[in-house]
Amino acid sequence: MRVLAHPAAPSAIDLRARAHCVDCAIRQHAVCSHCDVDELEFLSAIKTYRNYRPGEPILAMGERAPFLGTMVEGVASMSRLLPDGRRQVVGLLFPGDLVGRPFSPVSPFEYVAVTEARLCAFDRPQFEAALRATPSLERRLLEMTLDELDSAREWMVLLGRKSAQEKMCSFFALAARRALRLEKRDPIDGMLVVLPMSREDMADFLGLTIETVSRQISALKKSGVIELIDARHLLIPSWSDLLDAGGGDIELY
């Protein structure tokens, strides 16, 4: 994934979109999941939808962010850029995840759309005022923050202690789980997984080279842990075999 030094305007900002929050497909996973009808009415009034193409920046590191947002569709990456141009992907954001940090107007990370992405964006000052006045929003934000902290600790284990094969299998398990989360389904044997990113982006995310990613995919295919359909689709014949090859299950929210 290319490094973008300056943010660009989103491909489209739909100022007229006013789909009601009560009907939102991802609300149960979003920061507004505990809100009552009146609170949802307020959020509906201050939101806009922003659409992004793959590779398009959402927020640049160090940018003063005028909005916070919830991922509605697609996948985005969260990265830290080093002075010499190197980059470490520190997280992936899926539908329901929060983009940006409340009460911290300067973005500490770079957010980039990995796929076609749609963001439900809230004006920062208005959303922060709502957080101060709405216990249900504060409670849900705390829950999401603790889940993210747990995931970060699990990811430290993965990056620091797991082999290349284990990293790849854990990534496939993560992609499967997050894809099924909105449908409230558990992974099963024989399921099809859509990979949300290219091999180059996987390498950045897992701290591997693209050559290692390609070798591991070939090895896992040969051993029968996965069946590769094409560059972005794979089949998991046995969920337990995938977890075993990944060094055991990990909880990534």
Protein backbone atom coordinates (compact mmCIF):
# COMPACT_ATOMS: atom_id res chain seq x y z
CA MET A 1 0.00 0.00 0.00
CA ARG A 2 1.47 3.35 -0.97
CA VAL A 3 2.24 6.02 1.61
CA LEU A 4 0.29 9.25 1.20
CA ALA A 5 1.83 12.29 2.79
CA HIS A 6 -1.23 14.51 2.52
CA PRO A 7 -4.91 13.65 2.82
CA ALA A 8 -7.20 14.00 -0.15
CA ALA A 9 -10.87 14.85 -0.12
CA PRO A 10 -13.06 11.77 -0.03
CA SER A 11 -14.39 10.58 -3.35
CA ALA A 12 -17.88 11.63 -2.38
CA ILE A 13 -19.52 13.28 0.61
CA ASP A 14 -23.24 12.60 0.65
CA LEU A 15 -24.64 15.53 2.62
CA ARG A 16 -28.20 14.47 1.88
CA ALA A 17 -27.94 10.95 3.21
CA ARG A 18 -30.17 10.65 6.23
CA ALA A 19 -30.80 6.93 6.59
CA HIS A 20 -32.08 6.68 10.13
CA CYS A 21 -29.71 5.26 12.73
CA VAL A 22 -32.42 2.90 14.03
CA ASP A 23 -32.32 1.04 10.70
CA CYS A 24 -28.51 0.88 10.44
CA ALA A 25 -27.24 -2.65 9.77
CA ILE A 26 -24.04 -2.17 11.79
CA ARG A 27 -25.49 -0.23 14.75
CA GLN A 28 -25.27 -3.16 17.18
CA HIS A 29 -21.47 -3.10 16.75
CA ALA A 30 -21.00 0.69 16.64
CA VAL A 31 -20.45 3.32 19.30
CA CYS A 32 -24.17 4.18 19.19
CA SER A 33 -25.39 0.64 19.96
CA HIS A 34 -26.70 1.51 23.46
CA CYS A 35 -28.40 4.79 22.45
CA ASP A 36 -32.15 5.29 22.86
CA VAL A 37 -34.44 6.70 20.17
CA ASP A 38 -33.93 10.36 21.13
CA GLU A 39 -30.14 9.96 21.19
CA LEU A 40 -30.21 8.27 17.79
CA GLU A 41 -32.32 11.15 16.44
CA PHE A 42 -29.60 13.58 17.51
CA LEU A 43 -26.84 11.50 15.91
CA SER A 44 -28.86 11.21 12.70
CA ALA A 45 -29.02 14.99 12.52
CA ILE A 46 -25.24 15.53 12.76
CA LYS A 47 -23.98 12.75 10.51
CA THR A 48 -22.89 12.62 6.87
CA TYR A 49 -21.66 9.70 4.79
CA ARG A 50 -18.19 9.76 3.26
CA ASN A 51 -17.17 7.33 0.52
CA TYR A 52 -13.56 6.33 -0.21
CA ARG A 53 -11.82 4.41 -2.97
CA PRO A 54 -9.18 1.73 -2.22
CA GLY A 55 -5.90 3.41 -1.27
CA GLU A 56 -7.57 6.73 -0.54
CA PRO A 57 -6.64 8.46 2.74
CA ILE A 58 -9.31 9.02 5.36
CA LEU A 59 -7.09 10.82 7.88
CA ALA A 60 -3.38 11.61 7.69
CA MET A 61 -1.07 11.17 10.66
CA GLY A 62 -0.75 14.55 12.37
CA GLU A 63 -3.83 15.95 10.66
CA ARG A 64 -6.35 17.94 12.69
CA ALA A 65 -9.40 15.76 12.19
CA PRO A 66 -12.69 17.67 11.88
CA PHE A 67 -14.75 14.50 12.23
CA LEU A 68 -15.00 11.10 13.88
CA GLY A 69 -16.65 8.24 12.10
CA THR A 70 -17.94 4.69 12.16
CA MET A 71 -17.02 2.27 9.40
CA VAL A 72 -20.26 1.29 7.63
CA GLU A 73 -18.86 -0.68 4.70
CA GLY A 74 -15.43 -1.92 3.67
CA VAL A 75 -12.09 -2.13 5.47
CA ALA A 76 -9.56 0.56 6.44
CA SER A 77 -6.03 0.33 7.82
CA MET A 78 -4.55 2.27 10.73
CA SER A 79 -0.80 2.87 10.38
CA ARG A 80 2.11 4.64 12.04
CA LEU A 81 4.68 6.23 9.73
CA LEU A 82 8.36 6.44 10.71
CA PRO A 83 10.59 9.39 9.76
CA ASP A 84 12.46 7.33 7.14
CA GLY A 85 9.24 6.43 5.32
CA ARG A 86 8.75 2.97 6.78
CA ARG A 87 5.26 2.10 7.88
CA GLN A 88 3.72 -0.32 10.37
CA VAL A 89 0.06 -1.22 10.05
CA VAL A 90 -1.19 -1.35 13.64
CA GLY A 91 -4.81 -2.25 13.01
CA LEU A 92 -7.59 -3.02 10.57
CA LEU A 93 -10.97 -1.35 10.87
CA PHE A 94 -14.13 -3.21 9.86
CA PRO A 95 -17.81 -2.17 9.86
CA GLY A 96 -18.74 -0.92 13.32
CA ASP A 97 -15.22 0.24 14.21
CA LEU A 98 -14.49 3.86 15.12
CA VAL A 99 -12.22 6.02 12.97
CA GLY A 100 -10.44 8.74 14.92
CA ARG A 101 -9.97 9.43 18.61
CA PRO A 102 -12.46 11.48 20.67
CA PHE A 103 -11.03 14.46 22.57
CA SER A 104 -7.77 14.28 20.60
CA PRO A 105 -8.15 16.46 17.49
CA VAL A 106 -4.74 15.58 16.01
CA SER A 107 -4.73 12.11 14.49
CA PRO A 108 -1.87 9.95 15.88
CA PHE A 109 -2.25 7.46 13.02
CA GLU A 110 -2.83 7.37 9.29
CA TYR A 111 -6.17 5.90 8.22
CA VAL A 112 -6.45 4.61 4.65
CA ALA A 113 -9.27 2.78 2.87
CA VAL A 114 -8.12 -0.73 1.94
CA THR A 115 -11.28 -1.52 -0.01
CA GLU A 116 -14.19 0.57 -1.20
CA ALA A 117 -15.26 2.10 2.10
CA ARG A 118 -18.16 4.08 3.51
CA LEU A 119 -17.91 6.10 6.69
CA CYS A 120 -20.69 7.49 8.87
CA ALA A 121 -18.99 10.73 9.93
CA PHE A 122 -19.92 12.97 12.85
CA ASP A 123 -18.85 16.57 13.38
CA ARG A 124 -16.16 16.32 16.07
CA PRO A 125 -17.28 19.11 18.47
CA GLN A 126 -20.92 18.00 18.34
CA PHE A 127 -20.07 14.34 18.85
CA GLU A 128 -17.74 15.10 21.75
CA ALA A 129 -20.48 17.21 23.36
CA ALA A 130 -22.87 14.28 22.94
CA LEU A 131 -20.33 11.96 24.60
CA ARG A 132 -20.12 14.23 27.64
CA ALA A 133 -23.91 14.38 27.95
CA THR A 134 -24.84 10.79 27.05
CA PRO A 135 -23.89 7.96 29.46
CA SER A 136 -24.84 5.27 26.92
CA LEU A 137 -22.34 6.66 24.40
CA GLU A 138 -19.64 6.92 27.05
CA ARG A 139 -20.27 3.35 28.20
CA ARG A 140 -20.12 1.94 24.68
CA LEU A 141 -16.95 3.88 23.88
CA LEU A 142 -15.33 2.42 27.01
CA GLU A 143 -16.38 -1.10 25.96
CA MET A 144 -14.91 -0.59 22.48
CA THR A 145 -11.71 0.87 23.93
CA LEU A 146 -11.21 -2.13 26.24
CA ASP A 147 -11.90 -4.55 23.37
CA GLU A 148 -9.34 -2.72 21.26
CA LEU A 149 -6.81 -2.89 24.10
CA ASP A 150 -7.34 -6.66 24.42
CA SER A 151 -6.90 -7.05 20.66
CA ALA A 152 -3.69 -5.01 20.74
CA ARG A 153 -2.28 -7.30 23.44
CA GLU A 154 -3.18 -10.38 21.42
CA TRP A 155 -1.60 -8.82 18.34
CA MET A 156 1.62 -8.17 20.28
CA VAL A 157 1.83 -11.92 20.89
CA LEU A 158 1.17 -12.66 17.23
CA LEU A 159 3.80 -10.23 15.91
CA GLY A 160 6.40 -11.00 18.56
CA ARG A 161 6.15 -14.76 19.00
CA LYS A 162 4.33 -16.42 16.13
CA SER A 163 5.95 -17.91 13.04
CA ALA A 164 5.16 -16.70 9.54
CA GLN A 165 2.73 -19.60 9.04
CA GLU A 166 0.99 -18.90 12.33
CA LYS A 167 0.67 -15.21 11.46
CA MET A 168 -0.94 -16.02 8.11
CA CYS A 169 -3.42 -18.48 9.64
CA SER A 170 -4.32 -16.03 12.40
CA PHE A 171 -4.95 -13.36 9.76
CA PHE A 172 -7.25 -15.68 7.80
CA ALA A 173 -9.14 -16.46 11.01
CA LEU A 174 -9.48 -12.74 11.74
CA ALA A 175 -10.82 -12.05 8.24
CA ALA A 176 -13.34 -14.88 8.58
CA ARG A 177 -14.57 -13.84 12.02
CA ARG A 178 -14.99 -10.17 11.16
CA ALA A 179 -16.85 -10.98 7.94
CA LEU A 180 -19.32 -13.13 9.88
CA ARG A 181 -19.76 -10.74 12.80
CA LEU A 182 -22.52 -8.68 11.17
CA GLU A 183 -24.41 -11.86 10.32
CA LYS A 184 -24.09 -13.21 13.88
CA ARG A 185 -22.68 -16.48 12.55
CA ASP A 186 -19.75 -18.58 13.69
CA PRO A 187 -17.06 -19.90 11.34
CA ILE A 188 -17.71 -23.36 9.91
CA ASP A 189 -15.81 -25.97 7.93
CA GLY A 190 -15.84 -25.30 4.20
CA MET A 191 -16.51 -21.59 4.52
CA LEU A 192 -15.42 -19.12 1.84
CA VAL A 193 -13.32 -16.17 3.05
CA VAL A 194 -12.92 -12.91 1.17
CA LEU A 195 -9.47 -11.45 1.85
CA PRO A 196 -9.84 -7.70 2.46
CA MET A 197 -6.36 -6.75 1.26
CA SER A 198 -3.60 -7.54 -1.22
CA ARG A 199 -0.55 -9.66 -0.41
CA GLU A 200 1.53 -6.49 -0.18
CA ASP A 201 -0.86 -5.05 2.41
CA MET A 202 -0.93 -8.37 4.30
CA ALA A 203 2.86 -8.23 4.48
CA ASP A 204 2.72 -4.72 5.98
CA PHE A 205 0.08 -5.80 8.48
CA LEU A 206 1.88 -8.96 9.60
CA GLY A 207 5.45 -7.65 9.59
CA LEU A 208 6.47 -9.99 6.76
CA THR A 209 7.84 -9.57 3.25
CA ILE A 210 5.53 -10.07 0.28
CA GLU A 211 7.71 -13.02 -0.77
CA THR A 212 7.15 -14.69 2.61
CA VAL A 213 3.41 -14.12 2.36
CA SER A 214 3.34 -15.76 -1.07
CA ARG A 215 5.44 -18.71 0.11
CA GLN A 216 3.24 -19.29 3.15
CA ILE A 217 0.04 -19.18 1.10
CA SER A 218 1.51 -21.77 -1.26
CA ALA A 219 2.61 -23.97 1.66
CA LEU A 220 -0.79 -23.76 3.37
CA LYS A 221 -2.50 -24.60 0.11
CA LYS A 222 -0.21 -27.61 -0.41
CA SER A 223 -0.86 -28.89 3.12
CA GLY A 224 -4.62 -28.57 2.68
CA VAL A 225 -5.17 -25.96 5.39
CA ILE A 226 -6.64 -23.62 2.77
CA GLU A 227 -7.90 -23.90 -0.79
CA LEU A 228 -7.04 -20.84 -2.87
CA ILE A 229 -9.87 -19.83 -5.20
CA ASP A 230 -8.24 -16.66 -6.55
CA ALA A 231 -6.16 -13.72 -5.27
CA ARG A 232 -8.91 -12.52 -2.92
CA HIS A 233 -10.92 -15.67 -2.10
CA LEU A 234 -9.99 -18.83 -0.21
CA LEU A 235 -11.81 -21.81 1.23
CA ILE A 236 -11.19 -23.16 4.73
CA PRO A 237 -11.81 -26.94 4.66
CA SER A 238 -11.43 -27.32 8.44
CA TRP A 239 -11.75 -24.43 10.89
CA SER A 240 -10.00 -26.38 13.66
CA ASP A 241 -7.09 -27.22 11.35
CA LEU A 242 -6.70 -23.52 10.53
CA LEU A 243 -6.62 -22.60 14.22
CA ASP A 244 -4.12 -25.38 14.98
CA ALA A 245 -1.86 -24.20 12.15
CA GLY A 246 -2.15 -20.69 13.58
CA GLY A 247 -0.81 -21.74 16.96
CA GLY A 248 -4.18 -21.72 18.69
CA ASP A 249 -7.13 -19.36 18.78
CA ILE A 250 -6.75 -15.68 19.58
CA GLU A 251 -9.47 -13.15 20.33
CA LEU A 252 -9.33 -10.19 17.97
CA TYR A 253 -12.43 -8.02 18.23
